Amino acid sequence: MNSTHEFWQRWADSLRRYQLHDLIASFLEAGSPLALLGAQAIYFGGAFIKNEHLDALAAMLEDESETRAFAAYLNREGTAS
């Protein structure tokens, strides 16, 4: 998979539905070491549950620039709503 951008809208919609988009955006902007640990946990769990959304999420969390871009996307989408 080359890009996680195809999943961003669904992820943002789900986070907005539960009103977690601001919290998650803040976490992603500030918590890069924790994001990397989260990616590793998802990869570990992937041995039990195979899901392309989880694979994309782990890939996004591993890449700091992608993580910050998704956080900016959440913030931008949150202000547009």
C-alpha atoms as a PDB file:
ATOM      1  CA  MET A   1       0.000   0.000   0.000  1.00  0.00           C
ATOM      2  CA  ASN A   2       1.518   3.298  -1.073  1.00  0.00           C
ATOM      3  CA  SER A   3      -0.687   5.774   0.738  1.00  0.00           C
ATOM      4  CA  THR A   4      -3.000   5.875   3.699  1.00  0.00           C
ATOM      5  CA  HIS A   5      -4.820   8.940   2.357  1.00  0.00           C
ATOM      6  CA  GLU A   6      -7.624   6.819   0.927  1.00  0.00           C
ATOM      7  CA  PHE A   7      -8.672   5.934   4.503  1.00  0.00           C
ATOM      8  CA  TRP A   8      -8.411   9.409   6.010  1.00  0.00           C
ATOM      9  CA  GLN A   9     -11.973  10.507   5.313  1.00  0.00           C
ATOM     10  CA  ARG A  10     -13.452   7.369   6.918  1.00  0.00           C
ATOM     11  CA  TRP A  11     -11.157   7.667   9.926  1.00  0.00           C
ATOM     12  CA  ALA A  12     -11.992  11.362  10.327  1.00  0.00           C
ATOM     13  CA  ASP A  13     -15.734  10.669  10.061  1.00  0.00           C
ATOM     14  CA  SER A  14     -15.517   7.951  12.711  1.00  0.00           C
ATOM     15  CA  LEU A  15     -13.496  10.136  15.067  1.00  0.00           C
ATOM     16  CA  ARG A  16     -15.873  13.055  14.548  1.00  0.00           C
ATOM     17  CA  ARG A  17     -18.888  10.817  15.220  1.00  0.00           C
ATOM     18  CA  TYR A  18     -17.475  10.012  18.664  1.00  0.00           C
ATOM     19  CA  GLN A  19     -16.160  13.577  19.109  1.00  0.00           C
ATOM     20  CA  LEU A  20     -12.585  12.338  19.407  1.00  0.00           C
ATOM     21  CA  HIS A  21     -11.085  14.190  16.436  1.00  0.00           C
ATOM     22  CA  ASP A  22      -9.603  17.059  18.504  1.00  0.00           C
ATOM     23  CA  LEU A  23      -8.142  14.717  21.114  1.00  0.00           C
ATOM     24  CA  ILE A  24      -6.639  12.386  18.521  1.00  0.00           C
ATOM     25  CA  ALA A  25      -5.247  15.300  16.473  1.00  0.00           C
ATOM     26  CA  SER A  26      -3.550  16.665  19.613  1.00  0.00           C
ATOM     27  CA  PHE A  27      -2.167  13.239  20.443  1.00  0.00           C
ATOM     28  CA  LEU A  28      -0.830  12.759  16.925  1.00  0.00           C
ATOM     29  CA  GLU A  29       0.811  16.193  16.892  1.00  0.00           C
ATOM     30  CA  ALA A  30       2.511  15.737  20.261  1.00  0.00           C
ATOM     31  CA  GLY A  31       2.934  12.018  20.754  1.00  0.00           C
ATOM     32  CA  SER A  32       5.263  10.758  18.049  1.00  0.00           C
ATOM     33  CA  PRO A  33       7.064   8.224  20.306  1.00  0.00           C
ATOM     34  CA  LEU A  34       3.707   6.905  21.490  1.00  0.00           C
ATOM     35  CA  ALA A  35       2.462   6.768  17.901  1.00  0.00           C
ATOM     36  CA  LEU A  36       5.403   4.563  16.986  1.00  0.00           C
ATOM     37  CA  LEU A  37       4.621   2.257  19.897  1.00  0.00           C
ATOM     38  CA  GLY A  38       0.987   2.188  18.778  1.00  0.00           C
ATOM     39  CA  ALA A  39       2.081   1.176  15.285  1.00  0.00           C
ATOM     40  CA  GLN A  40       4.148  -1.658  16.703  1.00  0.00           C
ATOM     41  CA  ALA A  41       1.200  -2.826  18.819  1.00  0.00           C
ATOM     42  CA  ILE A  42      -1.017  -2.840  15.731  1.00  0.00           C
ATOM     43  CA  TYR A  43       1.565  -4.852  13.792  1.00  0.00           C
ATOM     44  CA  PHE A  44       1.775  -7.310  16.682  1.00  0.00           C
ATOM     45  CA  GLY A  45      -2.019  -7.607  16.797  1.00  0.00           C
ATOM     46  CA  GLY A  46      -2.049  -8.086  13.037  1.00  0.00           C
ATOM     47  CA  ALA A  47      -0.944 -11.642  13.620  1.00  0.00           C
ATOM     48  CA  PHE A  48      -4.403 -12.278  15.084  1.00  0.00           C
ATOM     49  CA  ILE A  49      -6.570  -9.830  13.126  1.00  0.00           C
ATOM     50  CA  LYS A  50      -5.886  -9.022   9.477  1.00  0.00           C
ATOM     51  CA  ASN A  51      -7.467  -5.778   8.337  1.00  0.00           C
ATOM     52  CA  GLU A  52      -6.331  -3.312   5.674  1.00  0.00           C
ATOM     53  CA  HIS A  53      -7.513  -0.360   7.791  1.00  0.00           C
ATOM     54  CA  LEU A  54      -5.300  -1.482  10.667  1.00  0.00           C
ATOM     55  CA  ASP A  55      -2.369  -2.012   8.323  1.00  0.00           C
ATOM     56  CA  ALA A  56      -2.859   1.494   6.924  1.00  0.00           C
ATOM     57  CA  LEU A  57      -3.189   2.957  10.416  1.00  0.00           C
ATOM     58  CA  ALA A  58       0.043   1.302  11.530  1.00  0.00           C
ATOM     59  CA  ALA A  59       1.836   2.536   8.405  1.00  0.00           C
ATOM     60  CA  MET A  60       0.572   6.066   9.036  1.00  0.00           C
ATOM     61  CA  LEU A  61       1.641   5.993  12.683  1.00  0.00           C
ATOM     62  CA  GLU A  62       5.116   4.786  11.710  1.00  0.00           C
ATOM     63  CA  ASP A  63       5.709   7.727   9.390  1.00  0.00           C
ATOM     64  CA  GLU A  64       5.968  10.973  11.370  1.00  0.00           C
ATOM     65  CA  SER A  65       5.218  13.196   8.364  1.00  0.00           C
ATOM     66  CA  GLU A  66       2.102  11.146   7.533  1.00  0.00           C
ATOM     67  CA  THR A  67       1.009  11.294  11.163  1.00  0.00           C
ATOM     68  CA  ARG A  68       1.357  15.077  11.283  1.00  0.00           C
ATOM     69  CA  ALA A  69      -0.403  15.402   7.921  1.00  0.00           C
ATOM     70  CA  PHE A  70      -3.351  13.371   9.211  1.00  0.00           C
ATOM     71  CA  ALA A  71      -3.478  15.504  12.376  1.00  0.00           C
ATOM     72  CA  ALA A  72      -3.571  18.631  10.189  1.00  0.00           C
ATOM     73  CA  TYR A  73      -6.305  17.002   8.101  1.00  0.00           C
ATOM     74  CA  LEU A  74      -8.348  16.330  11.253  1.00  0.00           C
ATOM     75  CA  ASN A  75      -7.913  19.925  12.392  1.00  0.00           C
ATOM     76  CA  ARG A  76      -8.808  21.288   8.956  1.00  0.00           C
ATOM     77  CA  GLU A  77     -11.858  19.025   8.640  1.00  0.00           C
ATOM     78  CA  GLY A  78     -12.913  19.835  12.207  1.00  0.00           C
ATOM     79  CA  THR A  79     -13.007  23.568  11.516  1.00  0.00           C
ATOM     80  CA  ALA A  80     -14.903  23.027   8.250  1.00  0.00           C
ATOM     81  CA  SER A  81     -17.729  21.178  10.047  1.00  0.00           C
END
